[in-house]
Amino acid sequence: MKVCTSCGAPASTGIRKCLACGSASFLYVCENCGTRFTSLDCPQCGVLHETHEKVCPNCGRHTFDAKCPDCDKDLVGVAPIRAEIPPETYAVHAGEGVYRSDEFDQQQAKQKKK
């Protein structure tokens, strides 16, 4: 998982600036062991950053690898346990009460007419 180093807010892979504080500095938190790091892989357990845990449909083994270590089944097409839901979609109640500026103007005009 990618998080902002300044405020700790979670961020999607493609985000370049934190949506909470505007910082451009990020680090990764390993989904396997919880270690915080900035390299390509976790220094504690070796899991690559942005890699998600999968369950082998053949034998049920939980792994972060592309192939099951027990039965050698290819896991490339298997969905991860934790779905890739961008944190931006739920961080502020999914845009509850947020309007684009033109929508806000339209809402104000409607209320004045009433």
PDB file of N, CA and C in Angstrom:
ATOM      1  N   MET A   1       0.846  -1.164   0.000  1.00  0.00           N
ATOM      2  CA  MET A   1       0.000   0.000   0.000  1.00  0.00           C
ATOM      3  C   MET A   1       0.897   1.233   0.000  1.00  0.00           C
ATOM      4  N   LYS A   2       0.503   2.239  -0.773  1.00  0.00           N
ATOM      5  CA  LYS A   2       1.253   3.487  -0.870  1.00  0.00           C
ATOM      6  C   LYS A   2       0.641   4.500   0.089  1.00  0.00           C
ATOM      7  N   VAL A   3       1.476   5.144   0.924  1.00  0.00           N
ATOM      8  CA  VAL A   3       0.981   6.140   1.875  1.00  0.00           C
ATOM      9  C   VAL A   3       1.864   7.391   1.829  1.00  0.00           C
ATOM     10  N   CYS A   4       1.265   8.514   2.172  1.00  0.00           N
ATOM     11  CA  CYS A   4       1.967   9.793   2.221  1.00  0.00           C
ATOM     12  C   CYS A   4       2.904   9.812   3.429  1.00  0.00           C
ATOM     13  N   THR A   5       4.138  10.287   3.229  1.00  0.00           N
ATOM     14  CA  THR A   5       5.093  10.355   4.342  1.00  0.00           C
ATOM     15  C   THR A   5       4.768  11.503   5.291  1.00  0.00           C
ATOM     16  N   SER A   6       4.073  12.526   4.807  1.00  0.00           N
ATOM     17  CA  SER A   6       3.762  13.682   5.649  1.00  0.00           C
ATOM     18  C   SER A   6       2.569  13.452   6.570  1.00  0.00           C
ATOM     19  N   CYS A   7       1.456  12.951   5.992  1.00  0.00           N
ATOM     20  CA  CYS A   7       0.232  12.831   6.799  1.00  0.00           C
ATOM     21  C   CYS A   7      -0.245  11.392   6.994  1.00  0.00           C
ATOM     22  N   GLY A   8       0.329  10.426   6.256  1.00  0.00           N
ATOM     23  CA  GLY A   8      -0.047   9.024   6.420  1.00  0.00           C
ATOM     24  C   GLY A   8      -1.292   8.610   5.649  1.00  0.00           C
ATOM     25  N   ALA A   9      -1.838   9.490   4.806  1.00  0.00           N
ATOM     26  CA  ALA A   9      -3.036   9.161   4.031  1.00  0.00           C
ATOM     27  C   ALA A   9      -2.704   8.124   2.962  1.00  0.00           C
ATOM     28  N   PRO A  10      -3.577   7.130   2.755  1.00  0.00           N
ATOM     29  CA  PRO A  10      -3.337   6.141   1.703  1.00  0.00           C
ATOM     30  C   PRO A  10      -3.516   6.773   0.330  1.00  0.00           C
ATOM     31  N   ALA A  11      -2.810   6.240  -0.684  1.00  0.00           N
ATOM     32  CA  ALA A  11      -2.881   6.778  -2.035  1.00  0.00           C
ATOM     33  C   ALA A  11      -2.837   5.650  -3.052  1.00  0.00           C
ATOM     34  N   SER A  12      -3.454   5.873  -4.199  1.00  0.00           N
ATOM     35  CA  SER A  12      -3.409   4.920  -5.299  1.00  0.00           C
ATOM     36  C   SER A  12      -2.037   4.942  -5.952  1.00  0.00           C
ATOM     37  N   THR A  13      -1.749   3.930  -6.731  1.00  0.00           N
ATOM     38  CA  THR A  13      -0.456   3.796  -7.374  1.00  0.00           C
ATOM     39  C   THR A  13      -0.120   4.987  -8.260  1.00  0.00           C
ATOM     40  N   GLY A  14      -1.053   5.482  -9.054  1.00  0.00           N
ATOM     41  CA  GLY A  14      -0.782   6.548 -10.009  1.00  0.00           C
ATOM     42  C   GLY A  14      -0.768   7.954  -9.440  1.00  0.00           C
ATOM     43  N   ILE A  15      -1.117   8.134  -8.189  1.00  0.00           N
ATOM     44  CA  ILE A  15      -1.184   9.459  -7.579  1.00  0.00           C
ATOM     45  C   ILE A  15       0.224  10.012  -7.359  1.00  0.00           C
ATOM     46  N   ARG A  16       0.465  11.266  -7.793  1.00  0.00           N
ATOM     47  CA  ARG A  16       1.784  11.883  -7.630  1.00  0.00           C
ATOM     48  C   ARG A  16       1.836  12.867  -6.474  1.00  0.00           C
ATOM     49  N   LYS A  17       0.674  13.399  -6.068  1.00  0.00           N
ATOM     50  CA  LYS A  17       0.595  14.316  -4.924  1.00  0.00           C
ATOM     51  C   LYS A  17      -0.502  13.830  -3.998  1.00  0.00           C
ATOM     52  N   CYS A  18      -0.268  13.916  -2.719  1.00  0.00           N
ATOM     53  CA  CYS A  18      -1.238  13.485  -1.717  1.00  0.00           C
ATOM     54  C   CYS A  18      -2.496  14.344  -1.831  1.00  0.00           C
ATOM     55  N   LEU A  19      -3.649  13.703  -1.863  1.00  0.00           N
ATOM     56  CA  LEU A  19      -4.909  14.421  -1.966  1.00  0.00           C
ATOM     57  C   LEU A  19      -5.308  15.056  -0.639  1.00  0.00           C
ATOM     58  N   ALA A  20      -4.695  14.620   0.448  1.00  0.00           N
ATOM     59  CA  ALA A  20      -5.020  15.181   1.761  1.00  0.00           C
ATOM     60  C   ALA A  20      -4.181  16.407   2.091  1.00  0.00           C
ATOM     61  N   CYS A  21      -2.860  16.349   1.808  1.00  0.00           N
ATOM     62  CA  CYS A  21      -1.992  17.463   2.225  1.00  0.00           C
ATOM     63  C   CYS A  21      -1.182  18.080   1.099  1.00  0.00           C
ATOM     64  N   GLY A  22      -1.143  17.456  -0.080  1.00  0.00           N
ATOM     65  CA  GLY A  22      -0.411  18.010  -1.212  1.00  0.00           C
ATOM     66  C   GLY A  22       1.047  17.594  -1.303  1.00  0.00           C
ATOM     67  N   SER A  23       1.538  16.800  -0.378  1.00  0.00           N
ATOM     68  CA  SER A  23       2.922  16.350  -0.394  1.00  0.00           C
ATOM     69  C   SER A  23       3.171  15.424  -1.590  1.00  0.00           C
ATOM     70  N   ALA A  24       4.399  15.428  -2.090  1.00  0.00           N
ATOM     71  CA  ALA A  24       4.771  14.554  -3.198  1.00  0.00           C
ATOM     72  C   ALA A  24       5.688  13.430  -2.732  1.00  0.00           C
ATOM     73  N   SER A  25       5.771  13.196  -1.438  1.00  0.00           N
ATOM     74  CA  SER A  25       6.647  12.181  -0.870  1.00  0.00           C
ATOM     75  C   SER A  25       5.819  11.006  -0.344  1.00  0.00           C
ATOM     76  N   PHE A  26       6.097   9.804  -0.863  1.00  0.00           N
ATOM     77  CA  PHE A  26       5.348   8.611  -0.482  1.00  0.00           C
ATOM     78  C   PHE A  26       6.284   7.488  -0.059  1.00  0.00           C
ATOM     79  N   LEU A  27       5.743   6.539   0.671  1.00  0.00           N
ATOM     80  CA  LEU A  27       6.435   5.302   0.980  1.00  0.00           C
ATOM     81  C   LEU A  27       5.427   4.174   0.890  1.00  0.00           C
ATOM     82  N   TYR A  28       5.910   2.962   0.986  1.00  0.00           N
ATOM     83  CA  TYR A  28       5.045   1.787   0.887  1.00  0.00           C
ATOM     84  C   TYR A  28       4.948   1.084   2.229  1.00  0.00           C
ATOM     85  N   VAL A  29       3.800   0.471   2.474  1.00  0.00           N
ATOM     86  CA  VAL A  29       3.602  -0.350   3.658  1.00  0.00           C
ATOM     87  C   VAL A  29       3.334  -1.766   3.142  1.00  0.00           C
ATOM     88  N   CYS A  30       4.160  -2.702   3.559  1.00  0.00           N
ATOM     89  CA  CYS A  30       4.047  -4.090   3.101  1.00  0.00           C
ATOM     90  C   CYS A  30       2.744  -4.707   3.606  1.00  0.00           C
ATOM     91  N   GLU A  31       1.970  -5.293   2.698  1.00  0.00           N
ATOM     92  CA  GLU A  31       0.723  -5.954   3.089  1.00  0.00           C
ATOM     93  C   GLU A  31       0.982  -7.259   3.832  1.00  0.00           C
ATOM     94  N   ASN A  32       2.175  -7.800   3.709  1.00  0.00           N
ATOM     95  CA  ASN A  32       2.496  -9.059   4.362  1.00  0.00           C
ATOM     96  C   ASN A  32       2.928  -8.864   5.817  1.00  0.00           C
ATOM     97  N   CYS A  33       3.896  -7.949   6.050  1.00  0.00           N
ATOM     98  CA  CYS A  33       4.445  -7.821   7.403  1.00  0.00           C
ATOM     99  C   CYS A  33       4.265  -6.439   8.030  1.00  0.00           C
ATOM    100  N   GLY A  34       3.796  -5.439   7.244  1.00  0.00           N
ATOM    101  CA  GLY A  34       3.548  -4.106   7.791  1.00  0.00           C
ATOM    102  C   GLY A  34       4.756  -3.186   7.828  1.00  0.00           C
ATOM    103  N   THR A  35       5.898  -3.624   7.301  1.00  0.00           N
ATOM    104  CA  THR A  35       7.101  -2.804   7.281  1.00  0.00           C
ATOM    105  C   THR A  35       6.926  -1.623   6.336  1.00  0.00           C
ATOM    106  N   ARG A  36       7.431  -0.453   6.733  1.00  0.00           N
ATOM    107  CA  ARG A  36       7.400   0.736   5.877  1.00  0.00           C
ATOM    108  C   ARG A  36       8.730   0.815   5.136  1.00  0.00           C
ATOM    109  N   PHE A  37       8.666   1.049   3.800  1.00  0.00           N
ATOM    110  CA  PHE A  37       9.891   1.084   3.004  1.00  0.00           C
ATOM    111  C   PHE A  37       9.710   1.948   1.761  1.00  0.00           C
ATOM    112  N   THR A  38      10.822   2.300   1.105  1.00  0.00           N
ATOM    113  CA  THR A  38      10.786   3.099  -0.117  1.00  0.00           C
ATOM    114  C   THR A  38      11.385   2.362  -1.308  1.00  0.00           C
ATOM    115  N   SER A  39      11.939   1.201  -1.097  1.00  0.00           N
ATOM    116  CA  SER A  39      12.579   0.434  -2.169  1.00  0.00           C
ATOM    117  C   SER A  39      11.546  -0.347  -2.981  1.00  0.00           C
ATOM    118  N   LEU A  40      12.002  -1.122  -3.963  1.00  0.00           N
ATOM    119  CA  LEU A  40      11.106  -1.929  -4.791  1.00  0.00           C
ATOM    120  C   LEU A  40      10.479  -3.091  -4.034  1.00  0.00           C
ATOM    121  N   ASP A  41      11.214  -3.635  -3.093  1.00  0.00           N
ATOM    122  CA  ASP A  41      10.670  -4.758  -2.329  1.00  0.00           C
ATOM    123  C   ASP A  41      10.885  -4.540  -0.838  1.00  0.00           C
ATOM    124  N   CYS A  42      10.068  -5.208  -0.040  1.00  0.00           N
ATOM    125  CA  CYS A  42      10.124  -5.075   1.413  1.00  0.00           C
ATOM    126  C   CYS A  42      11.448  -5.631   1.933  1.00  0.00           C
ATOM    127  N   PRO A  43      12.202  -4.838   2.696  1.00  0.00           N
ATOM    128  CA  PRO A  43      13.469  -5.330   3.234  1.00  0.00           C
ATOM    129  C   PRO A  43      13.294  -6.423   4.291  1.00  0.00           C
ATOM    130  N   GLN A  44      12.115  -6.524   4.874  1.00  0.00           N
ATOM    131  CA  GLN A  44      11.859  -7.515   5.924  1.00  0.00           C
ATOM    132  C   GLN A  44      11.521  -8.890   5.349  1.00  0.00           C
ATOM    133  N   CYS A  45      10.556  -8.929   4.398  1.00  0.00           N
ATOM    134  CA  CYS A  45      10.083 -10.232   3.910  1.00  0.00           C
ATOM    135  C   CYS A  45      10.272 -10.449   2.408  1.00  0.00           C
ATOM    136  N   GLY A  46      10.666  -9.402   1.657  1.00  0.00           N
ATOM    137  CA  GLY A  46      10.955  -9.556   0.238  1.00  0.00           C
ATOM    138  C   GLY A  46       9.780  -9.392  -0.708  1.00  0.00           C
ATOM    139  N   VAL A  47       8.586  -9.092  -0.228  1.00  0.00           N
ATOM    140  CA  VAL A  47       7.420  -8.911  -1.089  1.00  0.00           C
ATOM    141  C   VAL A  47       7.578  -7.603  -1.860  1.00  0.00           C
ATOM    142  N   LEU A  48       7.298  -7.639  -3.175  1.00  0.00           N
ATOM    143  CA  LEU A  48       7.395  -6.433  -3.997  1.00  0.00           C
ATOM    144  C   LEU A  48       6.349  -5.413  -3.593  1.00  0.00           C
ATOM    145  N   HIS A  49       6.681  -4.104  -3.704  1.00  0.00           N
ATOM    146  CA  HIS A  49       5.700  -3.070  -3.380  1.00  0.00           C
ATOM    147  C   HIS A  49       4.518  -3.169  -4.338  1.00  0.00           C
ATOM    148  N   GLU A  50       3.353  -2.792  -3.870  1.00  0.00           N
ATOM    149  CA  GLU A  50       2.101  -2.853  -4.632  1.00  0.00           C
ATOM    150  C   GLU A  50       1.713  -4.283  -5.039  1.00  0.00           C
ATOM    151  N   THR A  51       2.223  -5.306  -4.337  1.00  0.00           N
ATOM    152  CA  THR A  51       1.833  -6.687  -4.574  1.00  0.00           C
ATOM    153  C   THR A  51       0.770  -7.049  -3.547  1.00  0.00           C
ATOM    154  N   HIS A  52      -0.279  -7.731  -4.010  1.00  0.00           N
ATOM    155  CA  HIS A  52      -1.395  -8.058  -3.128  1.00  0.00           C
ATOM    156  C   HIS A  52      -1.509  -9.566  -2.922  1.00  0.00           C
ATOM    157  N   GLU A  53      -2.005  -9.936  -1.771  1.00  0.00           N
ATOM    158  CA  GLU A  53      -2.158 -11.349  -1.426  1.00  0.00           C
ATOM    159  C   GLU A  53      -3.255 -11.997  -2.266  1.00  0.00           C
ATOM    160  N   LYS A  54      -2.968 -13.214  -2.757  1.00  0.00           N
ATOM    161  CA  LYS A  54      -3.927 -13.995  -3.537  1.00  0.00           C
ATOM    162  C   LYS A  54      -4.101 -15.357  -2.896  1.00  0.00           C
ATOM    163  N   VAL A  55      -5.221 -15.988  -3.213  1.00  0.00           N
ATOM    164  CA  VAL A  55      -5.492 -17.346  -2.747  1.00  0.00           C
ATOM    165  C   VAL A  55      -5.526 -18.253  -3.966  1.00  0.00           C
ATOM    166  N   CYS A  56      -4.752 -19.324  -3.930  1.00  0.00           N
ATOM    167  CA  CYS A  56      -4.709 -20.272  -5.041  1.00  0.00           C
ATOM    168  C   CYS A  56      -6.057 -20.986  -5.156  1.00  0.00           C
ATOM    169  N   PRO A  57      -6.703 -20.937  -6.324  1.00  0.00           N
ATOM    170  CA  PRO A  57      -7.992 -21.612  -6.486  1.00  0.00           C
ATOM    171  C   PRO A  57      -7.866 -23.135  -6.513  1.00  0.00           C
ATOM    172  N   ASN A  58      -6.650 -23.624  -6.722  1.00  0.00           N
ATOM    173  CA  ASN A  58      -6.409 -25.058  -6.801  1.00  0.00           C
ATOM    174  C   ASN A  58      -6.230 -25.697  -5.424  1.00  0.00           C
ATOM    175  N   CYS A  59      -5.388 -25.084  -4.559  1.00  0.00           N
ATOM    176  CA  CYS A  59      -5.083 -25.708  -3.265  1.00  0.00           C
ATOM    177  C   CYS A  59      -5.432 -24.837  -2.050  1.00  0.00           C
ATOM    178  N   GLY A  60      -5.780 -23.543  -2.275  1.00  0.00           N
ATOM    179  CA  GLY A  60      -6.173 -22.676  -1.175  1.00  0.00           C
ATOM    180  C   GLY A  60      -5.033 -21.965  -0.462  1.00  0.00           C
ATOM    181  N   ARG A  61      -3.824 -22.079  -0.954  1.00  0.00           N
ATOM    182  CA  ARG A  61      -2.649 -21.442  -0.331  1.00  0.00           C
ATOM    183  C   ARG A  61      -2.697 -19.925  -0.511  1.00  0.00           C
ATOM    184  N   HIS A  62      -2.409 -19.192   0.536  1.00  0.00           N
ATOM    185  CA  HIS A  62      -2.304 -17.730   0.473  1.00  0.00           C
ATOM    186  C   HIS A  62      -0.863 -17.387   0.112  1.00  0.00           C
ATOM    187  N   THR A  63      -0.687 -16.516  -0.908  1.00  0.00           N
ATOM    188  CA  THR A  63       0.656 -16.161  -1.347  1.00  0.00           C
ATOM    189  C   THR A  63       0.676 -14.796  -2.015  1.00  0.00           C
ATOM    190  N   PHE A  64       1.869 -14.193  -2.080  1.00  0.00           N
ATOM    191  CA  PHE A  64       2.088 -12.945  -2.791  1.00  0.00           C
ATOM    192  C   PHE A  64       2.804 -13.210  -4.111  1.00  0.00           C
ATOM    193  N   ASP A  65       3.084 -14.452  -4.430  1.00  0.00           N
ATOM    194  CA  ASP A  65       3.820 -14.831  -5.633  1.00  0.00           C
ATOM    195  C   ASP A  65       2.907 -14.922  -6.851  1.00  0.00           C
ATOM    196  N   ALA A  66       3.518 -14.940  -8.054  1.00  0.00           N
ATOM    197  CA  ALA A  66       2.763 -15.075  -9.301  1.00  0.00           C
ATOM    198  C   ALA A  66       2.373 -16.530  -9.559  1.00  0.00           C
ATOM    199  N   LYS A  67       3.065 -17.452  -8.910  1.00  0.00           N
ATOM    200  CA  LYS A  67       2.745 -18.886  -9.004  1.00  0.00           C
ATOM    201  C   LYS A  67       2.614 -19.445  -7.610  1.00  0.00           C
ATOM    202  N   CYS A  68       1.708 -20.387  -7.438  1.00  0.00           N
ATOM    203  CA  CYS A  68       1.515 -21.013  -6.133  1.00  0.00           C
ATOM    204  C   CYS A  68       2.761 -21.827  -5.772  1.00  0.00           C
ATOM    205  N   PRO A  69       3.335 -21.607  -4.600  1.00  0.00           N
ATOM    206  CA  PRO A  69       4.532 -22.364  -4.206  1.00  0.00           C
ATOM    207  C   PRO A  69       4.247 -23.839  -3.926  1.00  0.00           C
ATOM    208  N   ASP A  70       2.991 -24.198  -3.645  1.00  0.00           N
ATOM    209  CA  ASP A  70       2.659 -25.593  -3.340  1.00  0.00           C
ATOM    210  C   ASP A  70       2.337 -26.416  -4.586  1.00  0.00           C
ATOM    211  N   CYS A  71       1.407 -25.916  -5.423  1.00  0.00           N
ATOM    212  CA  CYS A  71       0.951 -26.723  -6.562  1.00  0.00           C
ATOM    213  C   CYS A  71       1.405 -26.176  -7.915  1.00  0.00           C
ATOM    214  N   ASP A  72       2.154 -25.075  -7.936  1.00  0.00           N
ATOM    215  CA  ASP A  72       2.720 -24.475  -9.141  1.00  0.00           C
ATOM    216  C   ASP A  72       1.671 -23.922 -10.105  1.00  0.00           C
ATOM    217  N   LYS A  73       0.457 -23.624  -9.604  1.00  0.00           N
ATOM    218  CA  LYS A  73      -0.594 -23.048 -10.450  1.00  0.00           C
ATOM    219  C   LYS A  73      -0.279 -21.580 -10.717  1.00  0.00           C
ATOM    220  N   ASP A  74      -0.496 -21.133 -11.962  1.00  0.00           N
ATOM    221  CA  ASP A  74      -0.282 -19.740 -12.343  1.00  0.00           C
ATOM    222  C   ASP A  74      -1.388 -18.884 -11.733  1.00  0.00           C
ATOM    223  N   LEU A  75      -1.009 -17.825 -10.992  1.00  0.00           N
ATOM    224  CA  LEU A  75      -1.984 -16.978 -10.294  1.00  0.00           C
ATOM    225  C   LEU A  75      -2.125 -15.588 -10.917  1.00  0.00           C
ATOM    226  N   VAL A  76      -1.645 -15.413 -12.146  1.00  0.00           N
ATOM    227  CA  VAL A  76      -1.669 -14.101 -12.792  1.00  0.00           C
ATOM    228  C   VAL A  76      -3.095 -13.577 -12.948  1.00  0.00           C
ATOM    229  N   GLY A  77      -4.053 -14.404 -13.313  1.00  0.00           N
ATOM    230  CA  GLY A  77      -5.426 -13.966 -13.522  1.00  0.00           C
ATOM    231  C   GLY A  77      -6.303 -13.998 -12.282  1.00  0.00           C
ATOM    232  N   VAL A  78      -5.760 -14.413 -11.152  1.00  0.00           N
ATOM    233  CA  VAL A  78      -6.536 -14.534  -9.913  1.00  0.00           C
ATOM    234  C   VAL A  78      -6.634 -13.163  -9.234  1.00  0.00           C
ATOM    235  N   ALA A  79      -7.844 -12.787  -8.853  1.00  0.00           N
ATOM    236  CA  ALA A  79      -8.058 -11.498  -8.181  1.00  0.00           C
ATOM    237  C   ALA A  79      -7.463 -11.532  -6.779  1.00  0.00           C
ATOM    238  N   PRO A  80      -6.898 -10.418  -6.332  1.00  0.00           N
ATOM    239  CA  PRO A  80      -6.345 -10.369  -4.975  1.00  0.00           C
ATOM    240  C   PRO A  80      -7.448 -10.397  -3.924  1.00  0.00           C
ATOM    241  N   ILE A  81      -7.077 -10.757  -2.703  1.00  0.00           N
ATOM    242  CA  ILE A  81      -8.043 -10.803  -1.604  1.00  0.00           C
ATOM    243  C   ILE A  81      -8.600  -9.412  -1.343  1.00  0.00           C
ATOM    244  N   ARG A  82      -7.712  -8.447  -1.237  1.00  0.00           N
ATOM    245  CA  ARG A  82      -8.132  -7.052  -1.044  1.00  0.00           C
ATOM    246  C   ARG A  82      -8.231  -6.413  -2.406  1.00  0.00           C
ATOM    247  N   ALA A  83      -9.436  -6.078  -2.806  1.00  0.00           N
ATOM    248  CA  ALA A  83      -9.649  -5.496  -4.128  1.00  0.00           C
ATOM    249  C   ALA A  83      -8.940  -4.147  -4.239  1.00  0.00           C
ATOM    250  N   GLU A  84      -8.537  -3.805  -5.445  1.00  0.00           N
ATOM    251  CA  GLU A  84      -7.888  -2.527  -5.717  1.00  0.00           C
ATOM    252  C   GLU A  84      -8.927  -1.417  -5.733  1.00  0.00           C
ATOM    253  N   ILE A  85      -9.321  -0.945  -4.584  1.00  0.00           N
ATOM    254  CA  ILE A  85     -10.264   0.162  -4.485  1.00  0.00           C
ATOM    255  C   ILE A  85      -9.456   1.404  -4.159  1.00  0.00           C
ATOM    256  N   PRO A  86      -9.412   2.369  -5.071  1.00  0.00           N
ATOM    257  CA  PRO A  86      -8.616   3.560  -4.789  1.00  0.00           C
ATOM    258  C   PRO A  86      -9.087   4.248  -3.517  1.00  0.00           C
ATOM    259  N   PRO A  87      -8.172   4.587  -2.611  1.00  0.00           N
ATOM    260  CA  PRO A  87      -8.555   5.233  -1.357  1.00  0.00           C
ATOM    261  C   PRO A  87      -9.315   6.536  -1.566  1.00  0.00           C
ATOM    262  N   GLU A  88      -9.101   7.190  -2.720  1.00  0.00           N
ATOM    263  CA  GLU A  88      -9.773   8.454  -2.978  1.00  0.00           C
ATOM    264  C   GLU A  88     -11.290   8.280  -3.051  1.00  0.00           C
ATOM    265  N   THR A  89     -11.763   7.083  -3.370  1.00  0.00           N
ATOM    266  CA  THR A  89     -13.201   6.878  -3.527  1.00  0.00           C
ATOM    267  C   THR A  89     -13.936   6.772  -2.207  1.00  0.00           C
ATOM    268  N   TYR A  90     -13.234   6.440  -1.141  1.00  0.00           N
ATOM    269  CA  TYR A  90     -13.914   6.309   0.135  1.00  0.00           C
ATOM    270  C   TYR A  90     -13.316   7.191   1.238  1.00  0.00           C
ATOM    271  N   ALA A  91     -12.280   7.941   0.917  1.00  0.00           N
ATOM    272  CA  ALA A  91     -11.589   8.730   1.927  1.00  0.00           C
ATOM    273  C   ALA A  91     -12.472   9.833   2.516  1.00  0.00           C
ATOM    274  N   VAL A  92     -13.342  10.433   1.707  1.00  0.00           N
ATOM    275  CA  VAL A  92     -14.196  11.517   2.192  1.00  0.00           C
ATOM    276  C   VAL A  92     -15.644  11.176   1.859  1.00  0.00           C
ATOM    277  N   HIS A  93     -16.109  10.058   2.327  1.00  0.00           N
ATOM    278  CA  HIS A  93     -17.479   9.607   2.110  1.00  0.00           C
ATOM    279  C   HIS A  93     -17.865   9.628   0.639  1.00  0.00           C
ATOM    280  N   ALA A  94     -16.945   9.237  -0.225  1.00  0.00           N
ATOM    281  CA  ALA A  94     -17.177   9.104  -1.661  1.00  0.00           C
ATOM    282  C   ALA A  94     -17.774  10.362  -2.284  1.00  0.00           C
ATOM    283  N   GLY A  95     -17.257  11.520  -1.924  1.00  0.00           N
ATOM    284  CA  GLY A  95     -17.682  12.760  -2.554  1.00  0.00           C
ATOM    285  C   GLY A  95     -18.992  13.300  -2.022  1.00  0.00           C
ATOM    286  N   GLU A  96     -19.412  12.842  -0.877  1.00  0.00           N
ATOM    287  CA  GLU A  96     -20.671  13.269  -0.283  1.00  0.00           C
ATOM    288  C   GLU A  96     -20.674  14.778  -0.075  1.00  0.00           C
ATOM    289  N   GLY A  97     -21.649  15.461  -0.658  1.00  0.00           N
ATOM    290  CA  GLY A  97     -21.768  16.902  -0.481  1.00  0.00           C
ATOM    291  C   GLY A  97     -20.754  17.713  -1.260  1.00  0.00           C
ATOM    292  N   VAL A  98     -20.072  17.080  -2.223  1.00  0.00           N
ATOM    293  CA  VAL A  98     -19.082  17.782  -3.025  1.00  0.00           C
ATOM    294  C   VAL A  98     -19.664  18.048  -4.403  1.00  0.00           C
ATOM    295  N   TYR A  99     -19.592  19.278  -4.854  1.00  0.00           N
ATOM    296  CA  TYR A  99     -20.084  19.662  -6.171  1.00  0.00           C
ATOM    297  C   TYR A  99     -18.937  20.249  -6.977  1.00  0.00           C
ATOM    298  N   ARG A 100     -18.984  20.051  -8.288  1.00  0.00           N
ATOM    299  CA  ARG A 100     -18.089  20.810  -9.151  1.00  0.00           C
ATOM    300  C   ARG A 100     -18.605  22.241  -9.136  1.00  0.00           C
ATOM    301  N   SER A 101     -17.779  23.203  -9.464  1.00  0.00           N
ATOM    302  CA  SER A 101     -18.181  24.612  -9.347  1.00  0.00           C
ATOM    303  C   SER A 101     -19.404  24.944 -10.193  1.00  0.00           C
ATOM    304  N   ASP A 102     -19.518  24.398 -11.409  1.00  0.00           N
ATOM    305  CA  ASP A 102     -20.687  24.700 -12.236  1.00  0.00           C
ATOM    306  C   ASP A 102     -21.951  24.059 -11.659  1.00  0.00           C
ATOM    307  N   GLU A 103     -21.828  22.896 -11.074  1.00  0.00           N
ATOM    308  CA  GLU A 103     -22.986  22.259 -10.431  1.00  0.00           C
ATOM    309  C   GLU A 103     -23.436  23.071  -9.218  1.00  0.00           C
ATOM    310  N   PHE A 104     -22.465  23.613  -8.482  1.00  0.00           N
ATOM    311  CA  PHE A 104     -22.789  24.422  -7.315  1.00  0.00           C
ATOM    312  C   PHE A 104     -23.568  25.666  -7.734  1.00  0.00           C
ATOM    313  N   ASP A 105     -23.116  26.321  -8.820  1.00  0.00           N
ATOM    314  CA  ASP A 105     -23.803  27.513  -9.320  1.00  0.00           C
ATOM    315  C   ASP A 105     -25.229  27.177  -9.754  1.00  0.00           C
ATOM    316  N   GLN A 106     -25.395  26.030 -10.404  1.00  0.00           N
ATOM    317  CA  GLN A 106     -26.731  25.603 -10.837  1.00  0.00           C
ATOM    318  C   GLN A 106     -27.627  25.339  -9.630  1.00  0.00           C
ATOM    319  N   GLN A 107     -27.084  24.707  -8.601  1.00  0.00           N
ATOM    320  CA  GLN A 107     -27.857  24.433  -7.388  1.00  0.00           C
ATOM    321  C   GLN A 107     -28.281  25.743  -6.717  1.00  0.00           C
ATOM    322  N   GLN A 108     -27.382  26.720  -6.675  1.00  0.00           N
ATOM    323  CA  GLN A 108     -27.688  28.018  -6.064  1.00  0.00           C
ATOM    324  C   GLN A 108     -28.785  28.726  -6.846  1.00  0.00           C
ATOM    325  N   ALA A 109     -28.711  28.669  -8.178  1.00  0.00           N
ATOM    326  CA  ALA A 109     -29.717  29.312  -9.022  1.00  0.00           C
ATOM    327  C   ALA A 109     -31.090  28.672  -8.812  1.00  0.00           C
ATOM    328  N   LYS A 110     -31.147  27.354  -8.683  1.00  0.00           N
ATOM    329  CA  LYS A 110     -32.415  26.649  -8.449  1.00  0.00           C
ATOM    330  C   LYS A 110     -33.033  27.051  -7.111  1.00  0.00           C
ATOM    331  N   GLN A 111     -32.159  27.178  -6.098  1.00  0.00           N
ATOM    332  CA  GLN A 111     -32.672  27.542  -4.770  1.00  0.00           C
ATOM    333  C   GLN A 111     -33.200  28.970  -4.751  1.00  0.00           C
ATOM    334  N   LYS A 112     -32.610  29.880  -5.503  1.00  0.00           N
ATOM    335  CA  LYS A 112     -33.068  31.266  -5.550  1.00  0.00           C
ATOM    336  C   LYS A 112     -34.432  31.373  -6.237  1.00  0.00           C
ATOM    337  N   LYS A 113     -34.653  30.498  -7.244  1.00  0.00           N
ATOM    338  CA  LYS A 113     -35.929  30.512  -7.964  1.00  0.00           C
ATOM    339  C   LYS A 113     -37.074  30.059  -7.084  1.00  0.00           C
ATOM    340  N   LYS A 114     -36.802  29.207  -6.124  1.00  0.00           N
ATOM    341  CA  LYS A 114     -37.844  28.685  -5.229  1.00  0.00           C
ATOM    342  C   LYS A 114     -38.197  29.695  -4.233  1.00  0.00           C
TER     343      LYS A 114
END
